Amino acid sequence: MTKRIGFIMGSLRKESFSKVVADKLAELFPSDFEIVFPEIGNLEMYNQDLDDNNETPASWSAFREEVKALDGVVFVTPEYNRSVPPVLKNALDIASRPYGANAWNNKPGAIVSVSPGAVSGFGANHHLRQVLTFLNVHAMAQPEAYIGSVMNLINEDGTIKEDTVKFLQLIVDSYVAWFNQLTK
């Protein structure tokens, strides 16, 4: 049976480092995993009044259904001001609402933070982990995936250097084992 894993991107930038890393991660999954990239850039900012007044935007409803249909999630994100980018937090909030209808609930998850800086998106990684705990996403604890100085890990042709690919394969293999452990 094919397992559907959603890669939730914290960056909207077309040429983002996070996207380069996510694309490589997606390639490394076994063939019985289908990787999808739900779009979060078109989601209106969350406002509970819209849910309460039955004015839920169509983009929210579609995204909630898309998240519900996922078997697991991998978050790949940069760090903005020592936390997660607002577009990512908004997506988390939208799919966790309305109260009692958390689409993220009980999904195996992983977090990969990507940064040109030496701190490797540590703040974003841990803030995201805190939110995921509340949303009952079972985020893989080890190995941790902080990718710092990312521009030094990408070749001139846009491919990722072999040593980094080996690390990414470790992340994927660990997530697959984590996923299988939680879903058996």
N, C-alpha and C. Protein backbone atom coordinates (compact mmCIF):
# COMPACT_ATOMS: atom_id res chain seq x y z
N MET A 1 0.84 -1.18 0.00
CA MET A 1 0.00 0.00 0.00
C MET A 1 0.88 1.25 0.00
N THR A 2 0.56 2.18 -0.85
CA THR A 2 1.32 3.43 -0.94
C THR A 2 0.97 4.34 0.23
N LYS A 3 2.02 4.92 0.81
CA LYS A 3 1.85 5.87 1.90
C LYS A 3 2.04 7.27 1.35
N ARG A 4 1.11 8.15 1.65
CA ARG A 4 1.13 9.52 1.13
C ARG A 4 1.72 10.46 2.18
N ILE A 5 2.87 11.04 1.84
CA ILE A 5 3.58 11.93 2.77
C ILE A 5 3.55 13.35 2.21
N GLY A 6 3.09 14.28 3.01
CA GLY A 6 3.06 15.68 2.61
C GLY A 6 4.31 16.40 3.06
N PHE A 7 4.98 17.04 2.12
CA PHE A 7 6.11 17.91 2.45
C PHE A 7 5.55 19.32 2.57
N ILE A 8 5.57 19.85 3.76
CA ILE A 8 5.05 21.19 4.03
C ILE A 8 6.24 22.14 4.07
N MET A 9 6.25 23.06 3.14
CA MET A 9 7.39 23.96 2.95
C MET A 9 7.18 25.26 3.71
N GLY A 10 8.20 25.67 4.46
CA GLY A 10 8.12 26.92 5.19
C GLY A 10 8.54 28.13 4.37
N SER A 11 9.01 27.90 3.16
CA SER A 11 9.45 29.00 2.30
C SER A 11 8.64 29.02 1.02
N LEU A 12 8.23 30.20 0.64
CA LEU A 12 7.50 30.37 -0.63
C LEU A 12 8.42 30.75 -1.78
N ARG A 13 9.65 31.09 -1.47
CA ARG A 13 10.58 31.55 -2.49
C ARG A 13 10.85 30.44 -3.50
N LYS A 14 10.70 30.75 -4.76
CA LYS A 14 10.83 29.77 -5.84
C LYS A 14 12.18 29.04 -5.81
N GLU A 15 13.24 29.75 -5.55
CA GLU A 15 14.59 29.17 -5.53
C GLU A 15 15.11 28.98 -4.10
N SER A 16 14.22 28.69 -3.17
CA SER A 16 14.64 28.59 -1.77
C SER A 16 15.55 27.39 -1.55
N PHE A 17 16.44 27.54 -0.58
CA PHE A 17 17.30 26.44 -0.18
C PHE A 17 16.46 25.29 0.37
N SER A 18 15.41 25.63 1.09
CA SER A 18 14.52 24.60 1.64
C SER A 18 13.93 23.74 0.52
N LYS A 19 13.56 24.36 -0.57
CA LYS A 19 12.98 23.62 -1.71
C LYS A 19 14.02 22.68 -2.32
N VAL A 20 15.26 23.14 -2.46
CA VAL A 20 16.33 22.29 -3.01
C VAL A 20 16.50 21.06 -2.12
N VAL A 21 16.55 21.27 -0.81
CA VAL A 21 16.72 20.17 0.13
C VAL A 21 15.49 19.25 0.09
N ALA A 22 14.30 19.82 0.09
CA ALA A 22 13.07 19.02 0.08
C ALA A 22 12.98 18.16 -1.18
N ASP A 23 13.33 18.74 -2.32
CA ASP A 23 13.28 17.97 -3.57
C ASP A 23 14.21 16.75 -3.50
N LYS A 24 15.39 16.94 -2.93
CA LYS A 24 16.33 15.81 -2.80
C LYS A 24 15.79 14.79 -1.80
N LEU A 25 15.28 15.25 -0.67
CA LEU A 25 14.69 14.33 0.29
C LEU A 25 13.60 13.49 -0.35
N ALA A 26 12.73 14.13 -1.12
CA ALA A 26 11.62 13.44 -1.77
C ALA A 26 12.12 12.33 -2.70
N GLU A 27 13.21 12.58 -3.40
CA GLU A 27 13.78 11.59 -4.31
C GLU A 27 14.30 10.37 -3.57
N LEU A 28 14.66 10.51 -2.32
CA LEU A 28 15.32 9.45 -1.56
C LEU A 28 14.35 8.48 -0.88
N PHE A 29 13.06 8.77 -0.92
CA PHE A 29 12.08 7.89 -0.30
C PHE A 29 11.89 6.62 -1.11
N PRO A 30 11.56 5.52 -0.44
CA PRO A 30 11.28 4.27 -1.17
C PRO A 30 10.06 4.43 -2.07
N SER A 31 9.93 3.53 -3.03
CA SER A 31 8.88 3.65 -4.04
C SER A 31 7.47 3.47 -3.49
N ASP A 32 7.32 2.89 -2.29
CA ASP A 32 5.97 2.74 -1.74
C ASP A 32 5.51 3.97 -0.95
N PHE A 33 6.27 5.05 -1.06
CA PHE A 33 5.88 6.33 -0.47
C PHE A 33 5.64 7.32 -1.60
N GLU A 34 4.48 7.94 -1.58
CA GLU A 34 4.16 9.00 -2.55
C GLU A 34 4.36 10.34 -1.84
N ILE A 35 5.21 11.18 -2.42
CA ILE A 35 5.49 12.48 -1.82
C ILE A 35 4.69 13.55 -2.56
N VAL A 36 3.98 14.36 -1.80
CA VAL A 36 3.21 15.47 -2.35
C VAL A 36 3.63 16.76 -1.64
N PHE A 37 3.46 17.87 -2.31
CA PHE A 37 3.83 19.17 -1.78
C PHE A 37 2.58 20.05 -1.70
N PRO A 38 1.80 19.96 -0.63
CA PRO A 38 0.62 20.82 -0.51
C PRO A 38 1.02 22.30 -0.57
N GLU A 39 0.25 23.07 -1.29
CA GLU A 39 0.52 24.51 -1.45
C GLU A 39 -0.05 25.26 -0.24
N ILE A 40 0.79 26.06 0.40
CA ILE A 40 0.31 26.84 1.54
C ILE A 40 0.37 28.35 1.28
N GLY A 41 0.92 28.75 0.16
CA GLY A 41 1.09 30.17 -0.14
C GLY A 41 -0.20 30.89 -0.50
N ASN A 42 -1.24 30.16 -0.82
CA ASN A 42 -2.50 30.80 -1.22
C ASN A 42 -3.53 30.82 -0.09
N LEU A 43 -3.13 30.41 1.10
CA LEU A 43 -4.07 30.37 2.22
C LEU A 43 -4.22 31.76 2.85
N GLU A 44 -5.47 32.21 2.97
CA GLU A 44 -5.72 33.46 3.66
C GLU A 44 -5.30 33.31 5.13
N MET A 45 -4.94 34.41 5.77
CA MET A 45 -4.57 34.36 7.19
C MET A 45 -5.74 33.83 8.01
N TYR A 46 -5.41 33.00 8.99
CA TYR A 46 -6.46 32.41 9.80
C TYR A 46 -7.17 33.45 10.64
N ASN A 47 -8.49 33.39 10.63
CA ASN A 47 -9.35 34.25 11.43
C ASN A 47 -10.52 33.38 11.87
N GLN A 48 -10.61 33.09 13.14
CA GLN A 48 -11.64 32.19 13.65
C GLN A 48 -13.05 32.65 13.32
N ASP A 49 -13.25 33.95 13.17
CA ASP A 49 -14.58 34.46 12.83
C ASP A 49 -15.10 33.83 11.54
N LEU A 50 -14.21 33.57 10.59
CA LEU A 50 -14.65 32.98 9.33
C LEU A 50 -15.20 31.57 9.53
N ASP A 51 -14.56 30.79 10.38
CA ASP A 51 -15.10 29.47 10.71
C ASP A 51 -16.39 29.59 11.51
N ASP A 52 -16.40 30.46 12.50
CA ASP A 52 -17.57 30.60 13.38
C ASP A 52 -18.81 31.09 12.63
N ASN A 53 -18.61 31.88 11.59
CA ASN A 53 -19.74 32.46 10.85
C ASN A 53 -20.02 31.72 9.53
N ASN A 54 -19.51 30.50 9.40
CA ASN A 54 -19.70 29.69 8.19
C ASN A 54 -19.27 30.42 6.92
N GLU A 55 -18.17 31.16 7.04
CA GLU A 55 -17.59 31.88 5.90
C GLU A 55 -16.21 31.33 5.57
N THR A 56 -16.01 30.05 5.84
CA THR A 56 -14.70 29.42 5.65
C THR A 56 -14.26 29.53 4.20
N PRO A 57 -13.08 30.11 3.94
CA PRO A 57 -12.59 30.21 2.56
C PRO A 57 -12.40 28.81 1.94
N ALA A 58 -12.66 28.73 0.67
CA ALA A 58 -12.51 27.46 -0.05
C ALA A 58 -11.08 26.93 0.06
N SER A 59 -10.09 27.83 0.07
CA SER A 59 -8.69 27.39 0.18
C SER A 59 -8.44 26.67 1.51
N TRP A 60 -9.09 27.12 2.58
CA TRP A 60 -8.93 26.46 3.87
C TRP A 60 -9.53 25.07 3.84
N SER A 61 -10.74 24.98 3.31
CA SER A 61 -11.43 23.68 3.26
C SER A 61 -10.64 22.68 2.43
N ALA A 62 -10.14 23.11 1.30
CA ALA A 62 -9.36 22.22 0.43
C ALA A 62 -8.07 21.78 1.13
N PHE A 63 -7.40 22.72 1.79
CA PHE A 63 -6.16 22.38 2.48
C PHE A 63 -6.43 21.42 3.63
N ARG A 64 -7.47 21.64 4.38
CA ARG A 64 -7.81 20.74 5.49
C ARG A 64 -8.04 19.32 4.98
N GLU A 65 -8.75 19.19 3.88
CA GLU A 65 -9.01 17.87 3.30
C GLU A 65 -7.71 17.23 2.80
N GLU A 66 -6.85 18.05 2.21
CA GLU A 66 -5.57 17.53 1.72
C GLU A 66 -4.72 17.01 2.88
N VAL A 67 -4.68 17.75 3.99
CA VAL A 67 -3.90 17.31 5.15
C VAL A 67 -4.52 16.05 5.75
N LYS A 68 -5.83 15.99 5.85
CA LYS A 68 -6.49 14.79 6.39
C LYS A 68 -6.12 13.55 5.60
N ALA A 69 -5.95 13.69 4.28
CA ALA A 69 -5.66 12.55 3.41
C ALA A 69 -4.20 12.09 3.48
N LEU A 70 -3.35 12.85 4.17
CA LEU A 70 -1.94 12.47 4.29
C LEU A 70 -1.76 11.40 5.35
N ASP A 71 -0.80 10.52 5.12
CA ASP A 71 -0.46 9.51 6.11
C ASP A 71 0.65 10.00 7.04
N GLY A 72 1.41 10.97 6.60
CA GLY A 72 2.50 11.53 7.39
C GLY A 72 2.92 12.87 6.82
N VAL A 73 3.77 13.58 7.56
CA VAL A 73 4.21 14.91 7.13
C VAL A 73 5.69 15.12 7.42
N VAL A 74 6.32 15.84 6.51
CA VAL A 74 7.70 16.28 6.68
C VAL A 74 7.71 17.79 6.49
N PHE A 75 8.19 18.50 7.48
CA PHE A 75 8.26 19.95 7.41
C PHE A 75 9.69 20.33 7.07
N VAL A 76 9.84 21.12 6.01
CA VAL A 76 11.16 21.62 5.61
C VAL A 76 11.06 23.13 5.62
N THR A 77 11.85 23.77 6.48
CA THR A 77 11.62 25.20 6.70
C THR A 77 12.90 25.97 6.98
N PRO A 78 12.92 27.22 6.53
CA PRO A 78 13.96 28.13 6.99
C PRO A 78 13.55 28.68 8.36
N GLU A 79 14.39 29.54 8.88
CA GLU A 79 14.10 30.22 10.14
C GLU A 79 13.91 31.70 9.85
N TYR A 80 12.85 32.28 10.38
CA TYR A 80 12.63 33.72 10.29
C TYR A 80 12.64 34.28 11.71
N ASN A 81 13.59 35.12 12.02
CA ASN A 81 13.65 35.78 13.32
C ASN A 81 13.57 34.80 14.48
N ARG A 82 14.33 33.72 14.38
CA ARG A 82 14.44 32.68 15.41
C ARG A 82 13.15 31.87 15.61
N SER A 83 12.30 31.83 14.58
CA SER A 83 11.06 31.06 14.67
C SER A 83 10.65 30.58 13.29
N VAL A 84 9.45 30.04 13.20
CA VAL A 84 8.94 29.55 11.91
C VAL A 84 8.40 30.71 11.08
N PRO A 85 8.47 30.60 9.77
CA PRO A 85 7.89 31.63 8.92
C PRO A 85 6.38 31.70 9.12
N PRO A 86 5.81 32.89 8.99
CA PRO A 86 4.37 33.05 9.21
C PRO A 86 3.51 32.19 8.31
N VAL A 87 3.93 31.95 7.08
CA VAL A 87 3.12 31.14 6.16
C VAL A 87 2.98 29.71 6.69
N LEU A 88 4.02 29.20 7.32
CA LEU A 88 3.97 27.86 7.89
C LEU A 88 3.07 27.82 9.11
N LYS A 89 3.22 28.77 10.00
CA LYS A 89 2.36 28.82 11.20
C LYS A 89 0.90 28.97 10.81
N ASN A 90 0.62 29.78 9.80
CA ASN A 90 -0.74 29.95 9.32
C ASN A 90 -1.32 28.62 8.83
N ALA A 91 -0.53 27.87 8.07
CA ALA A 91 -1.00 26.57 7.56
C ALA A 91 -1.27 25.60 8.72
N LEU A 92 -0.40 25.62 9.72
CA LEU A 92 -0.62 24.77 10.89
C LEU A 92 -1.93 25.13 11.58
N ASP A 93 -2.16 26.42 11.75
CA ASP A 93 -3.38 26.87 12.42
C ASP A 93 -4.63 26.51 11.62
N ILE A 94 -4.60 26.74 10.33
CA ILE A 94 -5.78 26.47 9.50
C ILE A 94 -6.17 25.00 9.56
N ALA A 95 -5.21 24.10 9.42
CA ALA A 95 -5.55 22.67 9.39
C ALA A 95 -5.80 22.09 10.78
N SER A 96 -5.59 22.89 11.82
CA SER A 96 -5.89 22.40 13.18
C SER A 96 -7.26 22.88 13.66
N ARG A 97 -7.94 23.64 12.85
CA ARG A 97 -9.22 24.23 13.22
C ARG A 97 -10.33 23.74 12.29
N PRO A 98 -11.58 23.90 12.61
CA PRO A 98 -12.09 24.42 13.87
C PRO A 98 -11.83 23.43 15.00
N TYR A 99 -12.04 23.90 16.21
CA TYR A 99 -11.76 23.09 17.39
C TYR A 99 -12.40 21.71 17.24
N GLY A 100 -11.59 20.68 17.52
CA GLY A 100 -12.09 19.32 17.43
C GLY A 100 -11.91 18.67 16.07
N ALA A 101 -11.38 19.42 15.10
CA ALA A 101 -11.22 18.88 13.74
C ALA A 101 -9.78 19.00 13.27
N ASN A 102 -8.84 18.70 14.14
CA ASN A 102 -7.41 18.83 13.84
C ASN A 102 -6.99 17.83 12.76
N ALA A 103 -6.73 18.31 11.57
CA ALA A 103 -6.33 17.44 10.45
C ALA A 103 -4.92 16.88 10.62
N TRP A 104 -4.11 17.47 11.47
CA TRP A 104 -2.74 17.00 11.70
C TRP A 104 -2.69 15.83 12.67
N ASN A 105 -3.76 15.59 13.39
CA ASN A 105 -3.78 14.66 14.51
C ASN A 105 -3.22 13.29 14.18
N ASN A 106 -2.27 12.87 15.02
CA ASN A 106 -1.74 11.51 15.04
C ASN A 106 -0.90 11.13 13.82
N LYS A 107 -0.38 12.10 13.11
CA LYS A 107 0.46 11.81 11.94
C LYS A 107 1.93 11.71 12.34
N PRO A 108 2.66 10.74 11.79
CA PRO A 108 4.11 10.71 11.99
C PRO A 108 4.73 11.89 11.25
N GLY A 109 5.62 12.60 11.91
CA GLY A 109 6.21 13.79 11.30
C GLY A 109 7.72 13.83 11.43
N ALA A 110 8.31 14.71 10.66
CA ALA A 110 9.74 15.00 10.74
C ALA A 110 9.93 16.47 10.45
N ILE A 111 11.00 17.03 11.01
CA ILE A 111 11.33 18.44 10.82
C ILE A 111 12.74 18.54 10.28
N VAL A 112 12.89 19.30 9.21
CA VAL A 112 14.20 19.61 8.65
C VAL A 112 14.29 21.12 8.55
N SER A 113 15.22 21.71 9.29
CA SER A 113 15.40 23.16 9.19
C SER A 113 16.64 23.43 8.34
N VAL A 114 16.52 24.46 7.52
CA VAL A 114 17.55 24.78 6.52
C VAL A 114 17.89 26.26 6.65
N SER A 115 19.19 26.56 6.69
CA SER A 115 19.59 27.94 6.87
C SER A 115 20.95 28.21 6.24
N PRO A 116 21.14 29.43 5.70
CA PRO A 116 22.47 29.79 5.27
C PRO A 116 23.39 30.09 6.45
N GLY A 117 22.82 30.27 7.63
CA GLY A 117 23.61 30.59 8.81
C GLY A 117 24.12 29.35 9.53
N ALA A 118 25.02 29.58 10.45
CA ALA A 118 25.66 28.49 11.20
C ALA A 118 24.73 27.88 12.25
N VAL A 119 23.71 28.60 12.68
CA VAL A 119 22.81 28.10 13.72
C VAL A 119 21.84 27.06 13.15
N SER A 120 21.73 26.97 11.84
CA SER A 120 21.01 25.91 11.14
C SER A 120 19.51 25.89 11.36
N GLY A 121 18.91 27.01 11.63
CA GLY A 121 17.46 27.04 11.83
C GLY A 121 17.02 26.40 13.13
N PHE A 122 17.91 26.40 14.12
CA PHE A 122 17.62 25.77 15.41
C PHE A 122 16.33 26.32 16.03
N GLY A 123 16.16 27.63 16.01
CA GLY A 123 14.97 28.25 16.60
C GLY A 123 13.70 27.81 15.91
N ALA A 124 13.69 27.81 14.60
CA ALA A 124 12.51 27.38 13.85
C ALA A 124 12.21 25.92 14.12
N ASN A 125 13.24 25.11 14.13
CA ASN A 125 13.08 23.68 14.36
C ASN A 125 12.40 23.43 15.70
N HIS A 126 12.87 24.11 16.74
CA HIS A 126 12.32 23.85 18.07
C HIS A 126 10.97 24.53 18.30
N HIS A 127 10.75 25.68 17.72
CA HIS A 127 9.41 26.28 17.82
C HIS A 127 8.39 25.41 17.10
N LEU A 128 8.76 24.90 15.93
CA LEU A 128 7.86 24.02 15.19
C LEU A 128 7.58 22.75 15.98
N ARG A 129 8.61 22.19 16.58
CA ARG A 129 8.44 20.98 17.40
C ARG A 129 7.43 21.23 18.54
N GLN A 130 7.50 22.41 19.14
CA GLN A 130 6.58 22.75 20.22
C GLN A 130 5.13 22.79 19.71
N VAL A 131 4.91 23.40 18.56
CA VAL A 131 3.56 23.46 17.99
C VAL A 131 3.08 22.07 17.61
N LEU A 132 3.95 21.28 17.00
CA LEU A 132 3.55 19.93 16.58
C LEU A 132 3.17 19.05 17.76
N THR A 133 3.84 19.24 18.89
CA THR A 133 3.48 18.48 20.09
C THR A 133 2.03 18.77 20.47
N PHE A 134 1.65 20.03 20.44
CA PHE A 134 0.27 20.39 20.78
C PHE A 134 -0.72 19.84 19.75
N LEU A 135 -0.30 19.80 18.47
CA LEU A 135 -1.20 19.31 17.42
C LEU A 135 -1.22 17.79 17.32
N ASN A 136 -0.48 17.12 18.19
CA ASN A 136 -0.41 15.66 18.24
C ASN A 136 0.20 15.06 16.97
N VAL A 137 1.15 15.79 16.39
CA VAL A 137 1.98 15.23 15.32
C VAL A 137 3.17 14.59 16.03
N HIS A 138 3.43 13.34 15.73
CA HIS A 138 4.50 12.60 16.40
C HIS A 138 5.82 12.86 15.66
N ALA A 139 6.47 13.94 16.03
CA ALA A 139 7.70 14.36 15.34
C ALA A 139 8.87 13.48 15.74
N MET A 140 9.54 12.95 14.74
CA MET A 140 10.72 12.13 14.97
C MET A 140 11.75 12.93 15.77
N ALA A 141 12.27 12.33 16.82
CA ALA A 141 13.23 13.03 17.68
C ALA A 141 14.66 12.90 17.19
N GLN A 142 15.03 11.73 16.70
CA GLN A 142 16.40 11.48 16.27
C GLN A 142 16.42 10.74 14.95
N PRO A 143 17.31 11.02 14.09
CA PRO A 143 18.30 12.08 14.19
C PRO A 143 17.67 13.44 13.94
N GLU A 144 18.22 14.45 14.57
CA GLU A 144 17.75 15.81 14.34
C GLU A 144 18.30 16.27 12.99
N ALA A 145 17.54 17.12 12.33
CA ALA A 145 17.94 17.56 10.99
C ALA A 145 18.04 19.08 10.93
N TYR A 146 19.24 19.57 11.23
CA TYR A 146 19.55 20.99 11.12
C TYR A 146 20.55 21.11 9.98
N ILE A 147 20.22 21.86 8.96
CA ILE A 147 21.13 22.00 7.82
C ILE A 147 21.56 23.45 7.75
N GLY A 148 22.76 23.72 8.24
CA GLY A 148 23.31 25.07 8.25
C GLY A 148 24.32 25.28 7.14
N SER A 149 24.62 26.52 6.89
CA SER A 149 25.55 26.89 5.80
C SER A 149 25.19 26.16 4.52
N VAL A 150 23.89 26.12 4.24
CA VAL A 150 23.36 25.31 3.14
C VAL A 150 23.96 25.67 1.78
N MET A 151 24.31 26.93 1.59
CA MET A 151 24.86 27.33 0.28
C MET A 151 26.19 26.64 0.00
N ASN A 152 26.87 26.17 1.06
CA ASN A 152 28.13 25.45 0.88
C ASN A 152 27.91 23.96 0.60
N LEU A 153 26.66 23.52 0.68
CA LEU A 153 26.33 22.11 0.48
C LEU A 153 25.70 21.84 -0.88
N ILE A 154 25.56 22.91 -1.66
CA ILE A 154 24.95 22.80 -2.98
C ILE A 154 26.01 23.11 -4.04
N ASN A 155 26.11 22.22 -5.01
CA ASN A 155 27.05 22.41 -6.12
C ASN A 155 26.60 23.55 -7.02
N GLU A 156 27.49 24.02 -7.87
CA GLU A 156 27.18 25.12 -8.78
C GLU A 156 26.01 24.79 -9.71
N ASP A 157 25.83 23.51 -10.04
CA ASP A 157 24.74 23.12 -10.94
C ASP A 157 23.41 22.94 -10.20
N GLY A 158 23.39 23.25 -8.89
CA GLY A 158 22.16 23.17 -8.11
C GLY A 158 21.92 21.83 -7.44
N THR A 159 22.80 20.87 -7.67
CA THR A 159 22.67 19.58 -7.00
C THR A 159 23.29 19.65 -5.61
N ILE A 160 22.89 18.73 -4.78
CA ILE A 160 23.42 18.69 -3.41
C ILE A 160 24.65 17.80 -3.37
N LYS A 161 25.64 18.25 -2.62
CA LYS A 161 26.91 17.51 -2.52
C LYS A 161 26.68 16.13 -1.90
N GLU A 162 27.50 15.18 -2.33
CA GLU A 162 27.32 13.77 -1.99
C GLU A 162 27.30 13.50 -0.49
N ASP A 163 28.17 14.14 0.29
CA ASP A 163 28.17 13.92 1.74
C ASP A 163 26.84 14.35 2.35
N THR A 164 26.27 15.42 1.83
CA THR A 164 24.99 15.90 2.33
C THR A 164 23.87 14.95 1.91
N VAL A 165 23.96 14.40 0.70
CA VAL A 165 22.96 13.43 0.25
C VAL A 165 22.96 12.23 1.19
N LYS A 166 24.13 11.79 1.62
CA LYS A 166 24.21 10.66 2.57
C LYS A 166 23.50 11.01 3.88
N PHE A 167 23.67 12.24 4.36
CA PHE A 167 22.98 12.68 5.58
C PHE A 167 21.47 12.72 5.34
N LEU A 168 21.05 13.23 4.19
CA LEU A 168 19.62 13.28 3.88
C LEU A 168 19.04 11.87 3.79
N GLN A 169 19.80 10.93 3.26
CA GLN A 169 19.33 9.55 3.19
C GLN A 169 19.13 8.98 4.60
N LEU A 170 20.02 9.33 5.51
CA LEU A 170 19.87 8.92 6.90
C LEU A 170 18.57 9.46 7.49
N ILE A 171 18.27 10.71 7.18
CA ILE A 171 17.01 11.32 7.66
C ILE A 171 15.82 10.57 7.09
N VAL A 172 15.83 10.32 5.79
CA VAL A 172 14.71 9.61 5.14
C VAL A 172 14.57 8.20 5.72
N ASP A 173 15.67 7.47 5.81
CA ASP A 173 15.61 6.10 6.33
C ASP A 173 15.08 6.08 7.76
N SER A 174 15.50 7.03 8.56
CA SER A 174 15.04 7.12 9.94
C SER A 174 13.55 7.46 9.99
N TYR A 175 13.12 8.37 9.11
CA TYR A 175 11.69 8.73 9.08
C TYR A 175 10.85 7.54 8.63
N VAL A 176 11.30 6.82 7.62
CA VAL A 176 10.55 5.65 7.14
C VAL A 176 10.41 4.64 8.28
N ALA A 177 11.48 4.39 9.02
CA ALA A 177 11.42 3.46 10.15
C ALA A 177 10.46 3.99 11.22
N TRP A 178 10.53 5.30 11.51
CA TRP A 178 9.64 5.95 12.47
C TRP A 178 8.18 5.82 12.03
N PHE A 179 7.94 6.13 10.77
CA PHE A 179 6.61 6.03 10.19
C PHE A 179 6.07 4.61 10.35
N ASN A 180 6.87 3.62 9.95
CA ASN A 180 6.43 2.23 10.01
C ASN A 180 6.19 1.77 11.44
N GLN A 181 7.00 2.25 12.37
CA GLN A 181 6.81 1.90 13.77
C GLN A 181 5.48 2.44 14.29
N LEU A 182 5.15 3.66 13.92
CA LEU A 182 3.93 4.30 14.43
C LEU A 182 2.65 3.82 13.73
N THR A 183 2.78 3.28 12.54
CA THR A 183 1.59 2.94 11.76
C THR A 183 1.33 1.45 11.63
N LYS A 184 2.13 0.63 12.31
CA LYS A 184 1.88 -0.82 12.18
C LYS A 184 0.72 -1.28 13.01
